[in-house]
Amino acid sequence: MSKFRFVKEFLNLSSTEKIGIWILLVIAVAFPLLSFFVPLSSNNKSKTDVSAFEQQISSWEKAVAEQNNKQNVDFTLQAPNQSATKSKLDPFNFDPNLLSTEEWIKLGLTDKQTSSIMKFRQKGGVFKTKSDFKRMYMISEGEYAVLEPFILLPEKIDYTANNHKKEYKEPAPVELNSADSAALDAVKGIGPSLSRRIITYRSILHGFISIEQLREVYGLDSAQYATISPRLFVNPYLVNKINVNKADLTELRNHPYIGNNVALSIVNYRKQHGDYQLLTDIKKSALVTDEVYQKISPYLTVQ
């Protein structure tokens, strides 16, 4: 029933409306058929073969590289400037503090550059390092790069070397028998207290004949001895010797190496036999053994 109604309505349409409907039907049928028989260009488009073009580019790059190697040409951005700078300059070893105007010109600098450098020096300017020369505004980076290997100046100054304390010089050794308390006190490792004890013992001993005798000073330990002994020396001829023919018992026994018994033996022998002619004669007294003699003889005399 509905089919007949659709046909009836179609027949009642105007001729213009009917033509429009027919055109739409034709288009709807024709487009699918056309796409089936004639594929879209995007699907039928063949890929472009660029391999030949790539080979040409590769060959050109290879040729350029070989040419560069032969001519040693630097194609960096700075190469043209460097090449021009090198051709302009004629470098040789130089100290920028010493070159004359003519020598700067010979080096390859312009009159303006030379004039600026000479004015800088005339005003008291000094080039201490290579970087000082680099800071001259009229010298380009390219020019400095060419000249730098020829500048006879250090790369930098080690200012710390000038700030070191002066090298310590060891004072001259002090003679032990002639030094007063001030001289001994000034010796590193002695000090006022020890210097007094050394002088007191030196007086009792009548002088030192050896640095080793410092070990006998009261309160002087081995560490102190090791510190002060290299700073001292002894002149044994300054020892105040005792005359065994004139000294009484008290003077002899007060010597730390002689003592009462040995002193008494020496005095008694002298009273019995007269003055000693030779110092070795004291060994004839009862208590002066060879060992005792070796120890006390440097402090005794017969004259």
C-alpha atoms as a PDB file:
ATOM      1  CA  MET A   1       0.000   0.000   0.000  1.00  0.00           C
ATOM      2  CA  SER A   2       2.845   2.291   0.940  1.00  0.00           C
ATOM      3  CA  LYS A   3       4.603   1.568  -2.340  1.00  0.00           C
ATOM      4  CA  PHE A   4       1.616   2.769  -4.364  1.00  0.00           C
ATOM      5  CA  ARG A   5       1.391   5.831  -2.192  1.00  0.00           C
ATOM      6  CA  PHE A   6       5.076   6.699  -2.893  1.00  0.00           C
ATOM      7  CA  VAL A   7       4.524   6.294  -6.676  1.00  0.00           C
ATOM      8  CA  LYS A   8       1.401   8.440  -6.478  1.00  0.00           C
ATOM      9  CA  GLU A   9       3.237  11.187  -4.649  1.00  0.00           C
ATOM     10  CA  PHE A  10       6.153  11.008  -7.113  1.00  0.00           C
ATOM     11  CA  LEU A  11       3.709  11.429 -10.022  1.00  0.00           C
ATOM     12  CA  ASN A  12       2.179  14.470  -8.373  1.00  0.00           C
ATOM     13  CA  LEU A  13       5.642  16.243  -8.197  1.00  0.00           C
ATOM     14  CA  SER A  14       6.410  19.034 -10.586  1.00  0.00           C
ATOM     15  CA  SER A  15       8.697  18.384 -13.515  1.00  0.00           C
ATOM     16  CA  THR A  16      11.506  20.406 -11.913  1.00  0.00           C
ATOM     17  CA  GLU A  17      11.317  18.384  -8.720  1.00  0.00           C
ATOM     18  CA  LYS A  18      11.350  15.145 -10.685  1.00  0.00           C
ATOM     19  CA  ILE A  19      14.484  16.198 -12.629  1.00  0.00           C
ATOM     20  CA  GLY A  20      16.295  17.027  -9.368  1.00  0.00           C
ATOM     21  CA  ILE A  21      15.485  13.621  -7.914  1.00  0.00           C
ATOM     22  CA  TRP A  22      16.764  11.854 -11.023  1.00  0.00           C
ATOM     23  CA  ILE A  23      20.046  13.820 -10.941  1.00  0.00           C
ATOM     24  CA  LEU A  24      20.615  12.842  -7.307  1.00  0.00           C
ATOM     25  CA  LEU A  25      20.013   9.180  -8.126  1.00  0.00           C
ATOM     26  CA  VAL A  26      22.476   9.269 -11.023  1.00  0.00           C
ATOM     27  CA  ILE A  27      25.154  10.841  -8.883  1.00  0.00           C
ATOM     28  CA  ALA A  28      24.604   8.357  -6.072  1.00  0.00           C
ATOM     29  CA  VAL A  29      25.054   5.427  -8.433  1.00  0.00           C
ATOM     30  CA  ALA A  30      27.830   6.844 -10.619  1.00  0.00           C
ATOM     31  CA  PHE A  31      30.309   7.917  -7.885  1.00  0.00           C
ATOM     32  CA  PRO A  32      30.868   4.434  -6.369  1.00  0.00           C
ATOM     33  CA  LEU A  33      31.316   2.966  -9.843  1.00  0.00           C
ATOM     34  CA  LEU A  34      33.813   5.648 -10.795  1.00  0.00           C
ATOM     35  CA  SER A  35      35.930   5.140  -7.689  1.00  0.00           C
ATOM     36  CA  PHE A  36      36.010   1.421  -8.359  1.00  0.00           C
ATOM     37  CA  PHE A  37      37.266   1.707 -11.958  1.00  0.00           C
ATOM     38  CA  VAL A  38      39.559   4.774 -11.424  1.00  0.00           C
ATOM     39  CA  PRO A  39      41.606   4.457  -8.155  1.00  0.00           C
ATOM     40  CA  LEU A  40      42.355   7.660  -6.195  1.00  0.00           C
ATOM     41  CA  SER A  41      45.606   9.367  -7.175  1.00  0.00           C
ATOM     42  CA  SER A  42      46.933   9.169  -3.593  1.00  0.00           C
ATOM     43  CA  ASN A  43      46.863   5.394  -3.704  1.00  0.00           C
ATOM     44  CA  ASN A  44      48.258   5.176  -7.231  1.00  0.00           C
ATOM     45  CA  LYS A  45      51.067   7.681  -6.689  1.00  0.00           C
ATOM     46  CA  SER A  46      54.447   6.016  -7.017  1.00  0.00           C
ATOM     47  CA  LYS A  47      57.335   6.821  -4.653  1.00  0.00           C
ATOM     48  CA  THR A  48      60.054   9.161  -5.964  1.00  0.00           C
ATOM     49  CA  ASP A  49      63.458   7.545  -6.414  1.00  0.00           C
ATOM     50  CA  VAL A  50      66.073   9.943  -4.772  1.00  0.00           C
ATOM     51  CA  SER A  51      68.961   7.477  -4.556  1.00  0.00           C
ATOM     52  CA  ALA A  52      70.683   8.967  -7.591  1.00  0.00           C
ATOM     53  CA  PHE A  53      70.488  12.473  -6.084  1.00  0.00           C
ATOM     54  CA  GLU A  54      71.930  11.220  -2.773  1.00  0.00           C
ATOM     55  CA  GLN A  55      74.843   9.604  -4.596  1.00  0.00           C
ATOM     56  CA  GLN A  56      75.599  12.907  -6.333  1.00  0.00           C
ATOM     57  CA  ILE A  57      75.672  14.776  -2.990  1.00  0.00           C
ATOM     58  CA  SER A  58      77.953  12.121  -1.424  1.00  0.00           C
ATOM     59  CA  SER A  59      80.383  12.357  -4.364  1.00  0.00           C
ATOM     60  CA  TRP A  60      80.471  16.150  -4.092  1.00  0.00           C
ATOM     61  CA  GLU A  61      81.203  16.061  -0.314  1.00  0.00           C
ATOM     62  CA  LYS A  62      83.989  13.533  -0.865  1.00  0.00           C
ATOM     63  CA  ALA A  63      85.569  15.684  -3.538  1.00  0.00           C
ATOM     64  CA  VAL A  64      85.449  18.787  -1.315  1.00  0.00           C
ATOM     65  CA  ALA A  65      87.050  16.881   1.590  1.00  0.00           C
ATOM     66  CA  GLU A  66      89.909  15.620  -0.603  1.00  0.00           C
ATOM     67  CA  GLN A  67      90.520  19.123  -1.899  1.00  0.00           C
ATOM     68  CA  ASN A  68      90.625  20.512   1.627  1.00  0.00           C
ATOM     69  CA  ASN A  69      93.200  17.909   2.704  1.00  0.00           C
ATOM     70  CA  LYS A  70      95.413  18.775  -0.221  1.00  0.00           C
ATOM     71  CA  GLN A  71      95.286  22.517   0.370  1.00  0.00           C
ATOM     72  CA  ASN A  72      95.075  22.280   4.190  1.00  0.00           C
ATOM     73  CA  VAL A  73      92.196  24.728   4.173  1.00  0.00           C
ATOM     74  CA  ASP A  74      90.308  25.371   7.419  1.00  0.00           C
ATOM     75  CA  PHE A  75      86.628  25.971   6.606  1.00  0.00           C
ATOM     76  CA  THR A  76      85.722  27.089  10.159  1.00  0.00           C
ATOM     77  CA  LEU A  77      84.052  30.448  10.606  1.00  0.00           C
ATOM     78  CA  GLN A  78      87.259  31.926  12.007  1.00  0.00           C
ATOM     79  CA  ALA A  79      89.545  30.628   9.272  1.00  0.00           C
ATOM     80  CA  PRO A  80      89.241  33.640   6.950  1.00  0.00           C
ATOM     81  CA  ASN A  81      90.142  36.040   9.770  1.00  0.00           C
ATOM     82  CA  GLN A  82      93.025  33.871  10.969  1.00  0.00           C
ATOM     83  CA  SER A  83      94.377  33.562   7.477  1.00  0.00           C
ATOM     84  CA  ALA A  84      94.276  37.319   7.008  1.00  0.00           C
ATOM     85  CA  THR A  85      95.879  37.931  10.399  1.00  0.00           C
ATOM     86  CA  LYS A  86      98.680  35.465   9.767  1.00  0.00           C
ATOM     87  CA  SER A  87      99.480  37.039   6.434  1.00  0.00           C
ATOM     88  CA  LYS A  88      99.534  40.475   8.090  1.00  0.00           C
ATOM     89  CA  LEU A  89     101.853  39.604  10.991  1.00  0.00           C
ATOM     90  CA  ASP A  90     105.496  38.582  10.865  1.00  0.00           C
ATOM     91  CA  PRO A  91     106.001  37.211  14.417  1.00  0.00           C
ATOM     92  CA  PHE A  92     109.315  36.692  16.167  1.00  0.00           C
ATOM     93  CA  ASN A  93     110.255  36.242  19.824  1.00  0.00           C
ATOM     94  CA  PHE A  94     109.723  39.520  21.649  1.00  0.00           C
ATOM     95  CA  ASP A  95     109.270  41.166  25.040  1.00  0.00           C
ATOM     96  CA  PRO A  96     106.503  43.800  24.734  1.00  0.00           C
ATOM     97  CA  ASN A  97     108.278  45.878  27.368  1.00  0.00           C
ATOM     98  CA  LEU A  98     111.373  46.285  25.194  1.00  0.00           C
ATOM     99  CA  LEU A  99     110.331  46.577  21.542  1.00  0.00           C
ATOM    100  CA  SER A 100     110.962  49.868  19.762  1.00  0.00           C
ATOM    101  CA  THR A 101     108.469  51.541  17.451  1.00  0.00           C
ATOM    102  CA  GLU A 102     110.275  50.163  14.400  1.00  0.00           C
ATOM    103  CA  GLU A 103     110.237  46.651  15.821  1.00  0.00           C
ATOM    104  CA  TRP A 104     106.486  46.792  16.472  1.00  0.00           C
ATOM    105  CA  ILE A 105     105.975  47.831  12.857  1.00  0.00           C
ATOM    106  CA  LYS A 106     108.276  45.018  11.752  1.00  0.00           C
ATOM    107  CA  LEU A 107     106.187  42.636  13.827  1.00  0.00           C
ATOM    108  CA  GLY A 108     103.193  43.579  11.701  1.00  0.00           C
ATOM    109  CA  LEU A 109     101.231  45.985  13.896  1.00  0.00           C
ATOM    110  CA  THR A 110      99.737  49.161  12.501  1.00  0.00           C
ATOM    111  CA  ASP A 111     100.964  52.655  13.331  1.00  0.00           C
ATOM    112  CA  LYS A 112      97.885  53.179  15.506  1.00  0.00           C
ATOM    113  CA  GLN A 113      98.456  49.966  17.448  1.00  0.00           C
ATOM    114  CA  THR A 114     102.143  50.775  17.904  1.00  0.00           C
ATOM    115  CA  SER A 115     101.382  54.299  19.087  1.00  0.00           C
ATOM    116  CA  SER A 116      98.924  53.042  21.707  1.00  0.00           C
ATOM    117  CA  ILE A 117     101.412  50.510  23.092  1.00  0.00           C
ATOM    118  CA  MET A 118     104.232  53.056  23.251  1.00  0.00           C
ATOM    119  CA  LYS A 119     101.987  55.561  25.075  1.00  0.00           C
ATOM    120  CA  PHE A 120     101.035  52.849  27.559  1.00  0.00           C
ATOM    121  CA  ARG A 121     104.705  52.183  28.294  1.00  0.00           C
ATOM    122  CA  GLN A 122     105.602  55.887  28.473  1.00  0.00           C
ATOM    123  CA  LYS A 123     103.007  56.311  31.228  1.00  0.00           C
ATOM    124  CA  GLY A 124     104.727  53.609  33.297  1.00  0.00           C
ATOM    125  CA  GLY A 125     102.715  50.653  32.059  1.00  0.00           C
ATOM    126  CA  VAL A 126     104.437  47.282  32.284  1.00  0.00           C
ATOM    127  CA  PHE A 127     103.505  43.936  30.775  1.00  0.00           C
ATOM    128  CA  LYS A 128     104.094  41.349  33.486  1.00  0.00           C
ATOM    129  CA  THR A 129     102.304  38.404  31.874  1.00  0.00           C
ATOM    130  CA  LYS A 130     101.059  37.397  28.455  1.00  0.00           C
ATOM    131  CA  SER A 131      97.498  38.153  29.538  1.00  0.00           C
ATOM    132  CA  ASP A 132      98.542  41.773  30.233  1.00  0.00           C
ATOM    133  CA  PHE A 133      99.393  42.132  26.565  1.00  0.00           C
ATOM    134  CA  LYS A 134      96.138  40.420  25.612  1.00  0.00           C
ATOM    135  CA  ARG A 135      94.173  43.074  27.515  1.00  0.00           C
ATOM    136  CA  MET A 136      95.416  45.854  25.206  1.00  0.00           C
ATOM    137  CA  TYR A 137      92.173  46.871  23.489  1.00  0.00           C
ATOM    138  CA  MET A 138      93.793  47.487  20.112  1.00  0.00           C
ATOM    139  CA  ILE A 139      95.078  43.880  19.881  1.00  0.00           C
ATOM    140  CA  SER A 140      92.406  41.586  18.433  1.00  0.00           C
ATOM    141  CA  GLU A 141      91.894  38.028  19.603  1.00  0.00           C
ATOM    142  CA  GLY A 142      93.121  36.766  16.262  1.00  0.00           C
ATOM    143  CA  GLU A 143      96.309  38.805  16.480  1.00  0.00           C
ATOM    144  CA  TYR A 144      96.955  37.681  20.044  1.00  0.00           C
ATOM    145  CA  ALA A 145      96.439  34.032  19.046  1.00  0.00           C
ATOM    146  CA  VAL A 146      99.181  34.412  16.429  1.00  0.00           C
ATOM    147  CA  LEU A 147     101.592  36.394  18.632  1.00  0.00           C
ATOM    148  CA  GLU A 148     101.087  34.563  21.944  1.00  0.00           C
ATOM    149  CA  PRO A 149     103.653  31.757  21.360  1.00  0.00           C
ATOM    150  CA  PHE A 150     106.334  34.386  20.668  1.00  0.00           C
ATOM    151  CA  ILE A 151     105.761  36.592  23.750  1.00  0.00           C
ATOM    152  CA  LEU A 152     108.690  36.270  26.165  1.00  0.00           C
ATOM    153  CA  LEU A 153     106.578  36.618  29.310  1.00  0.00           C
ATOM    154  CA  PRO A 154     105.183  34.075  31.787  1.00  0.00           C
ATOM    155  CA  GLU A 155     101.623  32.833  31.594  1.00  0.00           C
ATOM    156  CA  LYS A 156     101.014  34.070  35.132  1.00  0.00           C
ATOM    157  CA  ILE A 157     102.885  35.290  38.198  1.00  0.00           C
ATOM    158  CA  ASP A 158     102.967  33.241  41.377  1.00  0.00           C
ATOM    159  CA  TYR A 159     102.392  36.072  43.828  1.00  0.00           C
ATOM    160  CA  THR A 160     102.456  33.668  46.773  1.00  0.00           C
ATOM    161  CA  ALA A 161     106.196  33.125  46.233  1.00  0.00           C
ATOM    162  CA  ASN A 162     106.836  36.785  47.091  1.00  0.00           C
ATOM    163  CA  ASN A 163     104.776  36.520  50.249  1.00  0.00           C
ATOM    164  CA  HIS A 164     106.763  33.748  51.853  1.00  0.00           C
ATOM    165  CA  LYS A 165     108.585  34.617  55.013  1.00  0.00           C
ATOM    166  CA  LYS A 166     112.265  35.239  54.670  1.00  0.00           C
ATOM    167  CA  GLU A 167     114.255  32.076  54.851  1.00  0.00           C
ATOM    168  CA  TYR A 168     115.249  31.419  58.427  1.00  0.00           C
ATOM    169  CA  LYS A 169     118.986  31.533  58.922  1.00  0.00           C
ATOM    170  CA  GLU A 170     120.385  29.575  61.818  1.00  0.00           C
ATOM    171  CA  PRO A 171     122.341  31.884  64.141  1.00  0.00           C
ATOM    172  CA  ALA A 172     126.055  31.295  64.478  1.00  0.00           C
ATOM    173  CA  PRO A 173     126.961  28.801  67.227  1.00  0.00           C
ATOM    174  CA  VAL A 174     127.708  30.303  70.640  1.00  0.00           C
ATOM    175  CA  GLU A 175     131.027  29.568  72.383  1.00  0.00           C
ATOM    176  CA  LEU A 176     130.157  27.947  75.676  1.00  0.00           C
ATOM    177  CA  ASN A 177     133.060  29.126  77.823  1.00  0.00           C
ATOM    178  CA  SER A 178     132.880  32.818  76.909  1.00  0.00           C
ATOM    179  CA  ALA A 179     129.129  33.385  76.511  1.00  0.00           C
ATOM    180  CA  ASP A 180     127.332  35.476  79.092  1.00  0.00           C
ATOM    181  CA  SER A 181     123.782  34.793  80.273  1.00  0.00           C
ATOM    182  CA  ALA A 182     122.238  36.974  77.544  1.00  0.00           C
ATOM    183  CA  ALA A 183     124.078  35.103  74.767  1.00  0.00           C
ATOM    184  CA  LEU A 184     123.082  31.711  76.191  1.00  0.00           C
ATOM    185  CA  ASP A 185     119.507  32.860  76.791  1.00  0.00           C
ATOM    186  CA  ALA A 186     119.226  33.783  73.105  1.00  0.00           C
ATOM    187  CA  VAL A 187     120.067  30.231  72.035  1.00  0.00           C
ATOM    188  CA  LYS A 188     116.915  28.410  71.019  1.00  0.00           C
ATOM    189  CA  GLY A 189     116.090  25.782  73.636  1.00  0.00           C
ATOM    190  CA  ILE A 190     118.012  27.289  76.564  1.00  0.00           C
ATOM    191  CA  GLY A 191     116.106  30.181  78.136  1.00  0.00           C
ATOM    192  CA  PRO A 192     116.930  32.232  81.256  1.00  0.00           C
ATOM    193  CA  SER A 193     116.692  29.468  83.860  1.00  0.00           C
ATOM    194  CA  LEU A 194     118.878  26.972  82.029  1.00  0.00           C
ATOM    195  CA  SER A 195     121.394  29.631  81.047  1.00  0.00           C
ATOM    196  CA  ARG A 196     121.932  30.465  84.760  1.00  0.00           C
ATOM    197  CA  ARG A 197     122.477  26.816  85.635  1.00  0.00           C
ATOM    198  CA  ILE A 198     124.967  26.392  82.782  1.00  0.00           C
ATOM    199  CA  ILE A 199     126.983  29.406  83.902  1.00  0.00           C
ATOM    200  CA  THR A 200     126.956  28.230  87.541  1.00  0.00           C
ATOM    201  CA  TYR A 201     128.217  24.767  86.584  1.00  0.00           C
ATOM    202  CA  ARG A 202     130.791  26.283  84.214  1.00  0.00           C
ATOM    203  CA  SER A 203     132.178  28.330  87.102  1.00  0.00           C
ATOM    204  CA  ILE A 204     132.464  25.292  89.386  1.00  0.00           C
ATOM    205  CA  LEU A 205     133.992  23.222  86.611  1.00  0.00           C
ATOM    206  CA  HIS A 206     136.415  26.016  85.592  1.00  0.00           C
ATOM    207  CA  GLY A 207     135.103  25.748  82.054  1.00  0.00           C
ATOM    208  CA  PHE A 208     133.938  23.145  79.572  1.00  0.00           C
ATOM    209  CA  ILE A 209     136.311  21.072  77.507  1.00  0.00           C
ATOM    210  CA  SER A 210     133.508  19.297  75.631  1.00  0.00           C
ATOM    211  CA  ILE A 211     129.859  19.927  74.699  1.00  0.00           C
ATOM    212  CA  GLU A 212     129.090  16.520  76.181  1.00  0.00           C
ATOM    213  CA  GLN A 213     129.665  18.006  79.659  1.00  0.00           C
ATOM    214  CA  LEU A 214     126.381  19.885  79.306  1.00  0.00           C
ATOM    215  CA  ARG A 215     124.665  16.617  80.169  1.00  0.00           C
ATOM    216  CA  GLU A 216     126.052  17.121  83.706  1.00  0.00           C
ATOM    217  CA  VAL A 217     124.132  20.391  84.175  1.00  0.00           C
ATOM    218  CA  TYR A 218     121.309  19.980  86.675  1.00  0.00           C
ATOM    219  CA  GLY A 219     117.851  19.803  85.109  1.00  0.00           C
ATOM    220  CA  LEU A 220     119.064  19.462  81.506  1.00  0.00           C
ATOM    221  CA  ASP A 221     117.314  16.466  79.921  1.00  0.00           C
ATOM    222  CA  SER A 222     118.292  14.586  76.788  1.00  0.00           C
ATOM    223  CA  ALA A 223     115.687  16.344  74.639  1.00  0.00           C
ATOM    224  CA  GLN A 224     117.030  19.774  75.585  1.00  0.00           C
ATOM    225  CA  TYR A 225     120.586  18.609  75.018  1.00  0.00           C
ATOM    226  CA  ALA A 226     119.696  17.395  71.521  1.00  0.00           C
ATOM    227  CA  THR A 227     118.150  20.788  70.768  1.00  0.00           C
ATOM    228  CA  ILE A 228     120.900  23.080  72.072  1.00  0.00           C
ATOM    229  CA  SER A 229     124.111  21.119  71.451  1.00  0.00           C
ATOM    230  CA  PRO A 230     124.245  21.859  67.679  1.00  0.00           C
ATOM    231  CA  ARG A 231     123.988  25.563  68.508  1.00  0.00           C
ATOM    232  CA  LEU A 232     127.001  25.610  70.826  1.00  0.00           C
ATOM    233  CA  PHE A 233     130.719  24.940  70.591  1.00  0.00           C
ATOM    234  CA  VAL A 234     133.635  24.844  73.057  1.00  0.00           C
ATOM    235  CA  ASN A 235     137.039  26.466  73.036  1.00  0.00           C
ATOM    236  CA  PRO A 236     138.981  24.278  75.546  1.00  0.00           C
ATOM    237  CA  TYR A 237     141.820  26.823  75.736  1.00  0.00           C
ATOM    238  CA  LEU A 238     139.494  29.082  77.711  1.00  0.00           C
ATOM    239  CA  VAL A 239     139.361  26.625  80.627  1.00  0.00           C
ATOM    240  CA  ASN A 240     140.612  28.208  83.871  1.00  0.00           C
ATOM    241  CA  LYS A 241     143.186  25.638  85.021  1.00  0.00           C
ATOM    242  CA  ILE A 242     144.192  24.972  88.624  1.00  0.00           C
ATOM    243  CA  ASN A 243     147.883  25.088  89.530  1.00  0.00           C
ATOM    244  CA  VAL A 244     148.485  21.905  91.541  1.00  0.00           C
ATOM    245  CA  ASN A 245     151.628  23.394  93.088  1.00  0.00           C
ATOM    246  CA  LYS A 246     149.791  26.413  94.532  1.00  0.00           C
ATOM    247  CA  ALA A 247     146.193  25.300  95.065  1.00  0.00           C
ATOM    248  CA  ASP A 248     145.173  24.460  98.608  1.00  0.00           C
ATOM    249  CA  LEU A 249     143.000  21.541  99.635  1.00  0.00           C
ATOM    250  CA  THR A 250     139.761  23.506  99.464  1.00  0.00           C
ATOM    251  CA  GLU A 251     140.313  24.732  95.915  1.00  0.00           C
ATOM    252  CA  LEU A 252     141.143  21.276  94.647  1.00  0.00           C
ATOM    253  CA  ARG A 253     138.323  19.427  96.367  1.00  0.00           C
ATOM    254  CA  ASN A 254     135.711  21.933  95.187  1.00  0.00           C
ATOM    255  CA  HIS A 255     136.267  20.763  91.637  1.00  0.00           C
ATOM    256  CA  PRO A 256     133.482  18.243  90.817  1.00  0.00           C
ATOM    257  CA  TYR A 257     135.916  15.812  89.145  1.00  0.00           C
ATOM    258  CA  ILE A 258     138.503  15.832  91.987  1.00  0.00           C
ATOM    259  CA  GLY A 259     136.678  15.667  95.273  1.00  0.00           C
ATOM    260  CA  ASN A 260     138.071  15.572  98.789  1.00  0.00           C
ATOM    261  CA  ASN A 261     140.015  12.292  98.761  1.00  0.00           C
ATOM    262  CA  VAL A 262     141.873  12.845  95.487  1.00  0.00           C
ATOM    263  CA  ALA A 263     142.606  16.442  96.478  1.00  0.00           C
ATOM    264  CA  LEU A 264     144.022  15.313  99.807  1.00  0.00           C
ATOM    265  CA  SER A 265     146.215  12.724  98.059  1.00  0.00           C
ATOM    266  CA  ILE A 266     147.627  15.367  95.678  1.00  0.00           C
ATOM    267  CA  VAL A 267     148.330  17.898  98.435  1.00  0.00           C
ATOM    268  CA  ASN A 268     149.957  15.353 100.751  1.00  0.00           C
ATOM    269  CA  TYR A 269     152.294  14.077  98.038  1.00  0.00           C
ATOM    270  CA  ARG A 270     153.290  17.650  97.194  1.00  0.00           C
ATOM    271  CA  LYS A 271     154.051  18.383 100.866  1.00  0.00           C
ATOM    272  CA  GLN A 272     156.200  15.245 101.102  1.00  0.00           C
ATOM    273  CA  HIS A 273     158.032  15.485  97.771  1.00  0.00           C
ATOM    274  CA  GLY A 274     157.861  19.150  96.808  1.00  0.00           C
ATOM    275  CA  ASP A 275     156.321  20.732  93.711  1.00  0.00           C
ATOM    276  CA  TYR A 276     155.320  18.642  90.744  1.00  0.00           C
ATOM    277  CA  GLN A 277     157.679  19.062  87.806  1.00  0.00           C
ATOM    278  CA  LEU A 278     155.351  17.437  85.314  1.00  0.00           C
ATOM    279  CA  LEU A 279     151.607  17.134  85.462  1.00  0.00           C
ATOM    280  CA  THR A 280     151.927  13.394  85.037  1.00  0.00           C
ATOM    281  CA  ASP A 281     153.716  13.324  88.383  1.00  0.00           C
ATOM    282  CA  ILE A 282     150.367  13.625  90.165  1.00  0.00           C
ATOM    283  CA  LYS A 283     149.779   9.989  89.243  1.00  0.00           C
ATOM    284  CA  LYS A 284     152.468   9.189  91.845  1.00  0.00           C
ATOM    285  CA  SER A 285     150.015  10.182  94.562  1.00  0.00           C
ATOM    286  CA  ALA A 286     148.035   7.292  95.975  1.00  0.00           C
ATOM    287  CA  LEU A 287     144.541   7.966  94.570  1.00  0.00           C
ATOM    288  CA  VAL A 288     145.273   9.377  91.111  1.00  0.00           C
ATOM    289  CA  THR A 289     144.718   6.410  88.832  1.00  0.00           C
ATOM    290  CA  ASP A 290     145.024   6.532  85.076  1.00  0.00           C
ATOM    291  CA  GLU A 291     141.262   6.892  84.818  1.00  0.00           C
ATOM    292  CA  VAL A 292     141.193   9.761  87.317  1.00  0.00           C
ATOM    293  CA  TYR A 293     144.128  11.418  85.634  1.00  0.00           C
ATOM    294  CA  GLN A 294     142.425  11.384  82.208  1.00  0.00           C
ATOM    295  CA  LYS A 295     139.394  13.087  83.722  1.00  0.00           C
ATOM    296  CA  ILE A 296     141.081  15.801  85.818  1.00  0.00           C
ATOM    297  CA  SER A 297     144.249  16.575  83.890  1.00  0.00           C
ATOM    298  CA  PRO A 298     142.588  19.043  81.438  1.00  0.00           C
ATOM    299  CA  TYR A 299     141.818  21.235  84.494  1.00  0.00           C
ATOM    300  CA  LEU A 300     145.270  21.133  86.085  1.00  0.00           C
ATOM    301  CA  THR A 301     148.659  22.651  85.421  1.00  0.00           C
ATOM    302  CA  VAL A 302     152.054  22.717  87.171  1.00  0.00           C
ATOM    303  CA  GLN A 303     152.798  26.320  86.205  1.00  0.00           C
END
